[in-house]
Each structure stands twice: as C-alpha cells, then as structure tokens.
Amino acid sequence: MIEYYEIRPGKKVPDVNDALRVLPNNDLEWRLLEVEGPGDPFQGRSVGELGESAFSSPSGTGLSWNEVKELSGGMVQAINILFVAFDLWKFPALESALSSGRYDDCEFLAEVFDSTYLRLGVNQQRADYDKIVSRFLGLDL
C-alpha cells in the first residue's frame, strides 16, 4: 500500500525534481500520467505533445528512471506533473487501476499539483520506506 506525503513549499515553486532526488536509483517501470507547463522538448516532442500523449493513454507514457530524470530536469516549471512507478511484472494487474486513478500498488508516486503542492507516495512495504519519507519531509522548501 502506498502512503502519501505532501509539502506546500514556502520558499520556492514546487519542483518534482525535489521529490525525485530523495528516491533511490531504480529499474522500475515509470509512467507519466500528466504533464503541463513550460519545458524543454523531450525526445523530439514538446511538453504539450507529451501531456496529450500521456492523457490519451489510460496507463500513461512508459519511461525509464533516467528518462524521468531527464524529462523533469528539462521542465522550467511544472504546473501539473504526475509520475508513478511499479515493478513491470505487476503491470497487467495495475493497468486498469492506473486508468482509474488508483495507485495503491505502485512503488512510488511523484506529483506537482497546480504549481502549489509537491506530493510523494512511497510503498510502505519497501525496506527503504522510512529513509525516503524522512528525506522528503526534511526538504527545506
């Protein structure tokens, strides 16, 4: 089960990179479910095109961990951005849950909502759960 934590930064605009920096390197399957805001083109596509593509697919656009970091690093300001990660072998069971907005069985969720909130979700069964949550809640934003 995934547990969510939110930060409403007071010193700067929320940046999904802050949430991603507290996560370990991984080989999970990442899905971009939403993206809106100014940013650099990614793999030859504009942020608007990426957002349309992610929105039009019920389970989002598949990315690797390195691609997630590259895409998020090129964002000038994410107004809305939502990534989820899971073990690829779980995908057949998760596909309908993702399309319904249910992320309970994912390993991670990283989100900026309305340029206001930064949210991180971490699966409570992970051995590094406490470390990740502590690092996230300790961010000086």
C-alpha atoms as a PDB file:
ATOM      1  CA  MET A   1       0.000   0.000   0.000  1.00  0.00           C
ATOM      2  CA  ILE A   2       1.335   3.409  -0.936  1.00  0.00           C
ATOM      3  CA  GLU A   3       1.399   6.211   1.649  1.00  0.00           C
ATOM      4  CA  TYR A   4       1.296   9.842   0.529  1.00  0.00           C
ATOM      5  CA  TYR A   5       3.081  12.893   1.914  1.00  0.00           C
ATOM      6  CA  GLU A   6       2.586  16.488   0.802  1.00  0.00           C
ATOM      7  CA  ILE A   7       4.696  19.591   1.103  1.00  0.00           C
ATOM      8  CA  ARG A   8       3.482  23.077   0.291  1.00  0.00           C
ATOM      9  CA  PRO A   9       6.789  24.892  -0.286  1.00  0.00           C
ATOM     10  CA  GLY A  10       7.064  28.381   1.145  1.00  0.00           C
ATOM     11  CA  LYS A  11      10.449  29.375  -0.269  1.00  0.00           C
ATOM     12  CA  LYS A  12      10.077  28.398  -3.923  1.00  0.00           C
ATOM     13  CA  VAL A  13       7.736  26.958  -6.523  1.00  0.00           C
ATOM     14  CA  PRO A  14       7.251  23.185  -6.087  1.00  0.00           C
ATOM     15  CA  ASP A  15       9.639  21.189  -8.260  1.00  0.00           C
ATOM     16  CA  VAL A  16       9.111  17.483  -8.915  1.00  0.00           C
ATOM     17  CA  ASN A  17      12.907  17.127  -9.025  1.00  0.00           C
ATOM     18  CA  ASP A  18      12.971  17.716  -5.265  1.00  0.00           C
ATOM     19  CA  ALA A  19      10.790  14.635  -4.738  1.00  0.00           C
ATOM     20  CA  LEU A  20      12.721  12.563  -7.263  1.00  0.00           C
ATOM     21  CA  ARG A  21      16.054  13.369  -5.581  1.00  0.00           C
ATOM     22  CA  VAL A  22      15.035  11.509  -2.417  1.00  0.00           C
ATOM     23  CA  LEU A  23      14.326   8.299  -4.348  1.00  0.00           C
ATOM     24  CA  PRO A  24      16.971   5.637  -4.955  1.00  0.00           C
ATOM     25  CA  ASN A  25      18.153   4.809  -8.449  1.00  0.00           C
ATOM     26  CA  ASN A  26      15.918   2.053  -9.734  1.00  0.00           C
ATOM     27  CA  ASP A  27      14.901  -0.076 -12.692  1.00  0.00           C
ATOM     28  CA  LEU A  28      11.163   0.260 -12.118  1.00  0.00           C
ATOM     29  CA  GLU A  29       8.655   0.937 -14.880  1.00  0.00           C
ATOM     30  CA  TRP A  30       7.708   4.614 -14.697  1.00  0.00           C
ATOM     31  CA  ARG A  31       4.574   6.119 -16.195  1.00  0.00           C
ATOM     32  CA  LEU A  32       3.989   9.767 -16.990  1.00  0.00           C
ATOM     33  CA  LEU A  33       0.272  10.283 -16.410  1.00  0.00           C
ATOM     34  CA  GLU A  34       0.120  14.061 -16.672  1.00  0.00           C
ATOM     35  CA  VAL A  35       2.390  16.962 -17.559  1.00  0.00           C
ATOM     36  CA  GLU A  36       1.647  20.639 -18.060  1.00  0.00           C
ATOM     37  CA  GLY A  37       3.992  23.606 -18.021  1.00  0.00           C
ATOM     38  CA  PRO A  38       6.892  25.157 -19.880  1.00  0.00           C
ATOM     39  CA  GLY A  39       9.886  22.960 -20.508  1.00  0.00           C
ATOM     40  CA  ASP A  40      12.444  21.712 -22.983  1.00  0.00           C
ATOM     41  CA  PRO A  41      11.425  19.292 -25.732  1.00  0.00           C
ATOM     42  CA  PHE A  42      11.859  15.662 -24.706  1.00  0.00           C
ATOM     43  CA  GLN A  43      12.735  13.030 -27.297  1.00  0.00           C
ATOM     44  CA  GLY A  44      11.693  15.403 -30.073  1.00  0.00           C
ATOM     45  CA  ARG A  45       8.294  16.202 -28.571  1.00  0.00           C
ATOM     46  CA  SER A  46       7.050  19.340 -26.861  1.00  0.00           C
ATOM     47  CA  VAL A  47       5.725  19.246 -23.311  1.00  0.00           C
ATOM     48  CA  GLY A  48       2.235  19.841 -24.725  1.00  0.00           C
ATOM     49  CA  GLU A  49       2.553  16.821 -27.020  1.00  0.00           C
ATOM     50  CA  LEU A  50       3.830  14.686 -24.123  1.00  0.00           C
ATOM     51  CA  GLY A  51       0.893  15.768 -21.999  1.00  0.00           C
ATOM     52  CA  GLU A  52      -1.605  14.915 -24.725  1.00  0.00           C
ATOM     53  CA  SER A  53       0.027  11.536 -25.283  1.00  0.00           C
ATOM     54  CA  ALA A  54       0.061  10.690 -21.565  1.00  0.00           C
ATOM     55  CA  PHE A  55      -3.540  11.816 -21.133  1.00  0.00           C
ATOM     56  CA  SER A  56      -4.792   9.890 -24.169  1.00  0.00           C
ATOM     57  CA  SER A  57      -3.349   6.590 -22.929  1.00  0.00           C
ATOM     58  CA  PRO A  58      -5.212   5.089 -19.953  1.00  0.00           C
ATOM     59  CA  SER A  59      -1.950   3.911 -18.400  1.00  0.00           C
ATOM     60  CA  GLY A  60       0.197   6.905 -19.381  1.00  0.00           C
ATOM     61  CA  THR A  61       3.505   7.021 -21.217  1.00  0.00           C
ATOM     62  CA  GLY A  62       6.175   4.495 -20.229  1.00  0.00           C
ATOM     63  CA  LEU A  63       9.581   5.821 -19.174  1.00  0.00           C
ATOM     64  CA  SER A  64      12.767   4.569 -17.549  1.00  0.00           C
ATOM     65  CA  TRP A  65      14.149   6.147 -14.366  1.00  0.00           C
ATOM     66  CA  ASN A  66      16.770   8.014 -16.410  1.00  0.00           C
ATOM     67  CA  GLU A  67      14.089   9.326 -18.776  1.00  0.00           C
ATOM     68  CA  VAL A  68      12.016  10.516 -15.805  1.00  0.00           C
ATOM     69  CA  LYS A  69      15.013  12.467 -14.502  1.00  0.00           C
ATOM     70  CA  GLU A  70      15.775  13.859 -17.974  1.00  0.00           C
ATOM     71  CA  LEU A  71      12.188  14.974 -18.591  1.00  0.00           C
ATOM     72  CA  SER A  72      11.725  16.503 -15.146  1.00  0.00           C
ATOM     73  CA  GLY A  73      15.145  18.177 -15.340  1.00  0.00           C
ATOM     74  CA  GLY A  74      14.063  19.965 -18.526  1.00  0.00           C
ATOM     75  CA  MET A  75      10.904  21.413 -17.000  1.00  0.00           C
ATOM     76  CA  VAL A  76      11.097  25.166 -16.391  1.00  0.00           C
ATOM     77  CA  GLN A  77       8.085  24.947 -14.103  1.00  0.00           C
ATOM     78  CA  ALA A  78       5.734  22.013 -13.813  1.00  0.00           C
ATOM     79  CA  ILE A  79       2.236  23.330 -13.277  1.00  0.00           C
ATOM     80  CA  ASN A  80       0.976  19.755 -13.071  1.00  0.00           C
ATOM     81  CA  ILE A  81       3.094  16.636 -13.412  1.00  0.00           C
ATOM     82  CA  LEU A  82       2.413  13.110 -12.229  1.00  0.00           C
ATOM     83  CA  PHE A  83       4.727  10.100 -12.352  1.00  0.00           C
ATOM     84  CA  VAL A  84       4.090   6.637 -10.908  1.00  0.00           C
ATOM     85  CA  ALA A  85       6.493   3.690 -10.719  1.00  0.00           C
ATOM     86  CA  PHE A  86       5.956  -0.031 -10.315  1.00  0.00           C
ATOM     87  CA  ASP A  87       7.559  -3.389 -10.997  1.00  0.00           C
ATOM     88  CA  LEU A  88       6.950  -4.225 -14.646  1.00  0.00           C
ATOM     89  CA  TRP A  89       5.644  -7.725 -13.829  1.00  0.00           C
ATOM     90  CA  LYS A  90       2.761  -6.058 -11.946  1.00  0.00           C
ATOM     91  CA  PHE A  91       1.621  -4.081 -14.995  1.00  0.00           C
ATOM     92  CA  PRO A  92      -1.129  -6.414 -16.226  1.00  0.00           C
ATOM     93  CA  ALA A  93      -2.852  -6.162 -12.846  1.00  0.00           C
ATOM     94  CA  LEU A  94      -2.139  -2.433 -12.467  1.00  0.00           C
ATOM     95  CA  GLU A  95      -3.216  -1.275 -15.913  1.00  0.00           C
ATOM     96  CA  SER A  96      -6.900  -0.843 -15.039  1.00  0.00           C
ATOM     97  CA  ALA A  97      -6.036   0.674 -11.649  1.00  0.00           C
ATOM     98  CA  LEU A  98      -3.812   3.306 -13.284  1.00  0.00           C
ATOM     99  CA  SER A  99      -6.531   4.238 -15.755  1.00  0.00           C
ATOM    100  CA  SER A 100      -8.917   4.676 -12.798  1.00  0.00           C
ATOM    101  CA  GLY A 101      -6.510   6.866 -10.814  1.00  0.00           C
ATOM    102  CA  ARG A 102      -5.769   4.185  -8.197  1.00  0.00           C
ATOM    103  CA  TYR A 103      -2.081   3.989  -7.354  1.00  0.00           C
ATOM    104  CA  ASP A 104      -2.125   1.906  -4.143  1.00  0.00           C
ATOM    105  CA  ASP A 105       0.039  -0.904  -5.534  1.00  0.00           C
ATOM    106  CA  CYS A 106       2.699   1.337  -7.069  1.00  0.00           C
ATOM    107  CA  GLU A 107       6.170   1.680  -5.564  1.00  0.00           C
ATOM    108  CA  PHE A 108       6.398   5.459  -5.971  1.00  0.00           C
ATOM    109  CA  LEU A 109       4.337   8.464  -6.972  1.00  0.00           C
ATOM    110  CA  ALA A 110       5.803  11.937  -7.552  1.00  0.00           C
ATOM    111  CA  GLU A 111       3.495  14.843  -8.295  1.00  0.00           C
ATOM    112  CA  VAL A 112       3.271  18.602  -8.522  1.00  0.00           C
ATOM    113  CA  PHE A 113      -0.310  19.803  -8.444  1.00  0.00           C
ATOM    114  CA  ASP A 114      -1.449  23.263  -9.565  1.00  0.00           C
ATOM    115  CA  SER A 115       2.061  24.718  -9.007  1.00  0.00           C
ATOM    116  CA  THR A 116       1.236  24.593  -5.311  1.00  0.00           C
ATOM    117  CA  TYR A 117       1.804  21.153  -3.775  1.00  0.00           C
ATOM    118  CA  LEU A 118       4.593  18.635  -4.006  1.00  0.00           C
ATOM    119  CA  ARG A 119       3.422  15.114  -3.231  1.00  0.00           C
ATOM    120  CA  LEU A 120       5.389  11.909  -2.821  1.00  0.00           C
ATOM    121  CA  GLY A 121       3.935   8.449  -2.436  1.00  0.00           C
ATOM    122  CA  VAL A 122       6.035   5.528  -1.229  1.00  0.00           C
ATOM    123  CA  ASN A 123       5.008   1.894  -0.890  1.00  0.00           C
ATOM    124  CA  GLN A 124       5.036   1.085   2.837  1.00  0.00           C
ATOM    125  CA  GLN A 125       6.422  -2.407   2.171  1.00  0.00           C
ATOM    126  CA  ARG A 126       9.738  -1.051   0.895  1.00  0.00           C
ATOM    127  CA  ALA A 127      12.764  -1.655   3.125  1.00  0.00           C
ATOM    128  CA  ASP A 128      13.885   1.952   2.490  1.00  0.00           C
ATOM    129  CA  TYR A 129      10.439   3.476   3.211  1.00  0.00           C
ATOM    130  CA  ASP A 130      11.432   5.315   6.422  1.00  0.00           C
ATOM    131  CA  LYS A 131      14.630   6.691   4.889  1.00  0.00           C
ATOM    132  CA  ILE A 132      12.821   8.033   1.799  1.00  0.00           C
ATOM    133  CA  VAL A 133       9.993   9.607   3.792  1.00  0.00           C
ATOM    134  CA  SER A 134      12.422  11.195   6.246  1.00  0.00           C
ATOM    135  CA  ARG A 135      14.467  12.692   3.407  1.00  0.00           C
ATOM    136  CA  PHE A 136      11.325  14.028   1.720  1.00  0.00           C
ATOM    137  CA  LEU A 137       9.850  15.571   4.866  1.00  0.00           C
ATOM    138  CA  GLY A 138      13.276  17.062   5.664  1.00  0.00           C
ATOM    139  CA  LEU A 139      13.467  19.027   2.416  1.00  0.00           C
ATOM    140  CA  ASP A 140      13.928  22.749   3.099  1.00  0.00           C
ATOM    141  CA  LEU A 141      11.474  24.170   0.606  1.00  0.00           C
END
